[in-house]
C-alpha atoms as a PDB file:
ATOM      1  CA  MET A   1      44.860 -59.255 -68.232  1.00  0.00           C
ATOM      2  CA  LYS A   2      41.474 -58.098 -66.950  1.00  0.00           C
ATOM      3  CA  LYS A   3      41.294 -61.053 -64.584  1.00  0.00           C
ATOM      4  CA  LEU A   4      44.741 -60.245 -63.200  1.00  0.00           C
ATOM      5  CA  VAL A   5      43.832 -56.607 -62.570  1.00  0.00           C
ATOM      6  CA  LEU A   6      40.502 -57.566 -61.005  1.00  0.00           C
ATOM      7  CA  SER A   7      42.217 -60.166 -58.819  1.00  0.00           C
ATOM      8  CA  LEU A   8      44.763 -57.611 -57.598  1.00  0.00           C
ATOM      9  CA  CYS A   9      42.050 -55.042 -56.898  1.00  0.00           C
ATOM     10  CA  GLY A  10      40.045 -57.643 -54.982  1.00  0.00           C
ATOM     11  CA  ALA A  11      43.091 -58.632 -52.929  1.00  0.00           C
ATOM     12  CA  LEU A  12      43.833 -54.996 -52.077  1.00  0.00           C
ATOM     13  CA  PHE A  13      40.226 -54.472 -51.053  1.00  0.00           C
ATOM     14  CA  LEU A  14      40.305 -57.501 -48.756  1.00  0.00           C
ATOM     15  CA  LEU A  15      43.636 -56.522 -47.228  1.00  0.00           C
ATOM     16  CA  SER A  16      42.463 -52.991 -46.533  1.00  0.00           C
ATOM     17  CA  GLY A  17      39.514 -54.471 -44.629  1.00  0.00           C
ATOM     18  CA  CYS A  18      41.919 -56.402 -42.410  1.00  0.00           C
ATOM     19  CA  SER A  19      43.921 -53.354 -41.366  1.00  0.00           C
ATOM     20  CA  ASN A  20      44.579 -52.813 -37.703  1.00  0.00           C
ATOM     21  CA  GLY A  21      42.331 -50.590 -35.699  1.00  0.00           C
ATOM     22  CA  GLY A  22      42.974 -49.040 -32.334  1.00  0.00           C
ATOM     23  CA  VAL A  23      45.070 -45.948 -31.801  1.00  0.00           C
ATOM     24  CA  ASP A  24      46.171 -44.085 -34.931  1.00  0.00           C
ATOM     25  CA  GLU A  25      49.939 -43.877 -34.311  1.00  0.00           C
ATOM     26  CA  ASP A  26      50.402 -41.272 -37.059  1.00  0.00           C
ATOM     27  CA  ALA A  27      47.963 -38.880 -35.393  1.00  0.00           C
ATOM     28  CA  LEU A  28      49.187 -39.565 -31.838  1.00  0.00           C
ATOM     29  CA  THR A  29      50.726 -36.727 -29.843  1.00  0.00           C
ATOM     30  CA  ALA A  30      51.592 -37.949 -26.359  1.00  0.00           C
ATOM     31  CA  VAL A  31      51.472 -35.503 -23.448  1.00  0.00           C
ATOM     32  CA  ASP A  32      54.936 -34.446 -22.281  1.00  0.00           C
ATOM     33  CA  LYS A  33      55.777 -35.652 -18.775  1.00  0.00           C
ATOM     34  CA  ASN A  34      57.035 -32.143 -17.933  1.00  0.00           C
ATOM     35  CA  GLN A  35      53.399 -31.032 -17.877  1.00  0.00           C
ATOM     36  CA  ASN A  36      53.144 -32.951 -14.578  1.00  0.00           C
ATOM     37  CA  ILE A  37      49.375 -33.370 -14.841  1.00  0.00           C
ATOM     38  CA  ARG A  38      47.886 -34.717 -11.611  1.00  0.00           C
ATOM     39  CA  GLN A  39      44.329 -33.438 -11.998  1.00  0.00           C
ATOM     40  CA  ILE A  40      42.348 -32.909 -15.179  1.00  0.00           C
ATOM     41  CA  CYS A  41      38.850 -31.686 -16.011  1.00  0.00           C
ATOM     42  CA  ILE A  42      36.934 -33.909 -18.427  1.00  0.00           C
ATOM     43  CA  LYS A  43      34.664 -32.178 -20.936  1.00  0.00           C
ATOM     44  CA  GLY A  44      32.815 -33.599 -23.896  1.00  0.00           C
ATOM     45  CA  SER A  45      29.534 -34.741 -25.305  1.00  0.00           C
ATOM     46  CA  THR A  46      28.411 -38.135 -24.067  1.00  0.00           C
ATOM     47  CA  ARG A  47      25.629 -38.267 -26.644  1.00  0.00           C
ATOM     48  CA  GLY A  48      26.523 -41.132 -28.956  1.00  0.00           C
ATOM     49  CA  ALA A  49      29.126 -42.438 -26.509  1.00  0.00           C
ATOM     50  CA  PRO A  50      28.800 -45.635 -24.472  1.00  0.00           C
ATOM     51  CA  ASP A  51      26.848 -45.273 -21.229  1.00  0.00           C
ATOM     52  CA  ASP A  52      29.834 -45.770 -18.915  1.00  0.00           C
ATOM     53  CA  PHE A  53      32.405 -43.881 -20.999  1.00  0.00           C
ATOM     54  CA  MET A  54      33.046 -41.112 -18.443  1.00  0.00           C
ATOM     55  CA  ASP A  55      33.461 -43.639 -15.621  1.00  0.00           C
ATOM     56  CA  SER A  56      35.879 -45.655 -17.764  1.00  0.00           C
ATOM     57  CA  LEU A  57      37.909 -42.532 -18.571  1.00  0.00           C
ATOM     58  CA  ILE A  58      38.155 -41.615 -14.892  1.00  0.00           C
ATOM     59  CA  ALA A  59      39.262 -45.171 -14.018  1.00  0.00           C
ATOM     60  CA  SER A  60      41.883 -45.176 -16.802  1.00  0.00           C
ATOM     61  CA  LEU A  61      43.256 -41.816 -15.662  1.00  0.00           C
ATOM     62  CA  LYS A  62      43.414 -43.053 -12.073  1.00  0.00           C
ATOM     63  CA  LYS A  63      45.720 -45.879 -13.208  1.00  0.00           C
ATOM     64  CA  LYS A  64      48.102 -43.135 -14.400  1.00  0.00           C
ATOM     65  CA  ASN A  65      47.784 -41.349 -11.020  1.00  0.00           C
ATOM     66  CA  ILE A  66      45.701 -38.564 -12.559  1.00  0.00           C
ATOM     67  CA  ILE A  67      42.469 -37.433 -10.924  1.00  0.00           C
ATOM     68  CA  GLY A  68      39.730 -36.961 -13.512  1.00  0.00           C
ATOM     69  CA  GLU A  69      36.880 -34.606 -12.699  1.00  0.00           C
ATOM     70  CA  ARG A  70      33.657 -34.304 -14.722  1.00  0.00           C
ATOM     71  CA  VAL A  71      32.908 -30.752 -15.737  1.00  0.00           C
ATOM     72  CA  LYS A  72      29.657 -29.626 -17.337  1.00  0.00           C
ATOM     73  CA  ASP A  73      30.104 -25.928 -16.776  1.00  0.00           C
ATOM     74  CA  ASN A  74      32.433 -23.785 -18.922  1.00  0.00           C
ATOM     75  CA  ARG A  75      32.893 -21.414 -15.990  1.00  0.00           C
ATOM     76  CA  THR A  76      34.864 -24.016 -14.046  1.00  0.00           C
ATOM     77  CA  VAL A  77      38.553 -23.088 -13.879  1.00  0.00           C
ATOM     78  CA  CYS A  78      40.879 -25.967 -14.759  1.00  0.00           C
ATOM     79  CA  ASN A  79      44.634 -26.066 -15.305  1.00  0.00           C
ATOM     80  CA  HIS A  80      44.265 -28.987 -17.722  1.00  0.00           C
ATOM     81  CA  ILE A  81      41.289 -30.151 -19.782  1.00  0.00           C
ATOM     82  CA  LEU A  82      40.637 -33.541 -21.373  1.00  0.00           C
ATOM     83  CA  SER A  83      38.262 -32.843 -24.240  1.00  0.00           C
ATOM     84  CA  PHE A  84      36.679 -35.793 -26.022  1.00  0.00           C
ATOM     85  CA  SER A  85      34.322 -36.821 -28.754  1.00  0.00           C
ATOM     86  CA  ALA A  86      33.193 -40.432 -28.954  1.00  0.00           C
ATOM     87  CA  LYS A  87      30.755 -42.472 -30.999  1.00  0.00           C
ATOM     88  CA  GLY A  88      29.677 -46.037 -30.471  1.00  0.00           C
ATOM     89  CA  ASN A  89      26.888 -48.103 -29.038  1.00  0.00           C
ATOM     90  CA  ARG A  90      25.867 -48.553 -25.410  1.00  0.00           C
ATOM     91  CA  ASN A  91      28.794 -50.870 -24.663  1.00  0.00           C
ATOM     92  CA  ILE A  92      31.810 -50.042 -26.841  1.00  0.00           C
ATOM     93  CA  ILE A  93      33.453 -47.189 -28.721  1.00  0.00           C
ATOM     94  CA  ALA A  94      33.506 -47.229 -32.520  1.00  0.00           C
ATOM     95  CA  ARG A  95      35.643 -44.096 -32.830  1.00  0.00           C
ATOM     96  CA  ALA A  96      36.931 -41.475 -30.453  1.00  0.00           C
ATOM     97  CA  ARG A  97      39.292 -38.546 -30.169  1.00  0.00           C
ATOM     98  CA  LEU A  98      40.817 -37.358 -26.901  1.00  0.00           C
ATOM     99  CA  ARG A  99      42.672 -34.048 -26.599  1.00  0.00           C
ATOM    100  CA  VAL A 100      44.498 -32.605 -23.626  1.00  0.00           C
ATOM    101  CA  LEU A 101      44.445 -28.817 -23.525  1.00  0.00           C
ATOM    102  CA  SER A 102      45.961 -26.222 -21.268  1.00  0.00           C
ATOM    103  CA  GLY A 103      43.188 -24.692 -19.186  1.00  0.00           C
ATOM    104  CA  ILE A 104      44.981 -21.357 -19.222  1.00  0.00           C
ATOM    105  CA  ASN A 105      45.274 -20.689 -22.955  1.00  0.00           C
ATOM    106  CA  ASN A 106      43.633 -23.743 -24.610  1.00  0.00           C
ATOM    107  CA  GLN A 107      46.966 -24.769 -26.155  1.00  0.00           C
ATOM    108  CA  PRO A 108      46.916 -28.424 -27.272  1.00  0.00           C
ATOM    109  CA  LEU A 109      49.205 -30.603 -25.135  1.00  0.00           C
ATOM    110  CA  GLY A 110      48.387 -33.995 -26.656  1.00  0.00           C
ATOM    111  CA  SER A 111      45.833 -35.925 -28.671  1.00  0.00           C
ATOM    112  CA  VAL A 112      44.894 -39.455 -29.646  1.00  0.00           C
ATOM    113  CA  SER A 113      42.446 -40.878 -32.205  1.00  0.00           C
ATOM    114  CA  TYR A 114      40.883 -44.318 -31.974  1.00  0.00           C
ATOM    115  CA  LYS A 115      38.951 -46.480 -34.449  1.00  0.00           C
ATOM    116  CA  LEU A 116      37.413 -49.887 -33.899  1.00  0.00           C
ATOM    117  CA  LYS A 117      38.261 -52.065 -36.896  1.00  0.00           C
ATOM    118  CA  GLY A 118      40.209 -55.131 -37.922  1.00  0.00           C
ATOM    119  CA  GLU A 119      42.008 -57.049 -35.180  1.00  0.00           C
ATOM    120  CA  GLU A 120      40.981 -54.456 -32.607  1.00  0.00           C
ATOM    121  CA  LYS A 121      37.429 -55.863 -32.732  1.00  0.00           C
ATOM    122  CA  ASP A 122      38.686 -59.219 -31.438  1.00  0.00           C
ATOM    123  CA  ARG A 123      40.646 -57.546 -28.637  1.00  0.00           C
ATOM    124  CA  VAL A 124      37.649 -55.435 -27.606  1.00  0.00           C
ATOM    125  CA  ALA A 125      35.457 -58.544 -27.438  1.00  0.00           C
ATOM    126  CA  GLN A 126      37.728 -59.642 -24.573  1.00  0.00           C
ATOM    127  CA  VAL A 127      38.564 -56.361 -22.801  1.00  0.00           C
ATOM    128  CA  GLY A 128      35.403 -54.296 -23.380  1.00  0.00           C
ATOM    129  CA  LEU A 129      34.979 -50.568 -22.883  1.00  0.00           C
ATOM    130  CA  GLN A 130      37.487 -50.310 -20.035  1.00  0.00           C
ATOM    131  CA  GLY A 131      40.152 -51.905 -22.237  1.00  0.00           C
ATOM    132  CA  GLN A 132      39.416 -49.380 -24.976  1.00  0.00           C
ATOM    133  CA  THR A 133      39.733 -46.372 -22.676  1.00  0.00           C
ATOM    134  CA  ASP A 134      42.841 -47.854 -21.029  1.00  0.00           C
ATOM    135  CA  LEU A 135      44.475 -48.130 -24.463  1.00  0.00           C
ATOM    136  CA  MET A 136      43.666 -44.524 -25.392  1.00  0.00           C
ATOM    137  CA  VAL A 137      44.734 -43.053 -22.047  1.00  0.00           C
ATOM    138  CA  ASN A 138      47.895 -45.195 -21.949  1.00  0.00           C
ATOM    139  CA  GLN A 139      48.918 -43.928 -25.375  1.00  0.00           C
ATOM    140  CA  LEU A 140      48.005 -40.328 -24.602  1.00  0.00           C
ATOM    141  CA  PHE A 141      49.991 -40.415 -21.355  1.00  0.00           C
ATOM    142  CA  LYS A 142      52.628 -42.947 -22.421  1.00  0.00           C
ATOM    143  CA  ASN A 143      55.405 -40.685 -21.109  1.00  0.00           C
ATOM    144  CA  TYR A 144      53.963 -40.916 -17.579  1.00  0.00           C
END
């Protein structure tokens, strides 16, 4: 009986390690197309993020016909804000969260969470950082 229980626990442990990474669909809130976002200010800490993360975000947004603008100053007036936190190494993201906020009242308009694990690691080995940011932005703006 002990061996059966231990075998089942071991199998569950192994299966949980093989779970899919990428975008957390349960925590995803896509931005509504009615927001008609064409320009967005990008704010966030790049400490702990890959070196080219901001450039990758801007390129991913451009593919959705959205102009991304880096903002370091809180005094800058923006109609829409893309706030992010990201951790990883110099080349890829291990985990990230992107949130789109209204620049007028800071109301959340959409959010996406990302984790690098499981099969996502194999995909990232092929597509790199740009593929990671494309995935996040595509899910966040999937209604566009």
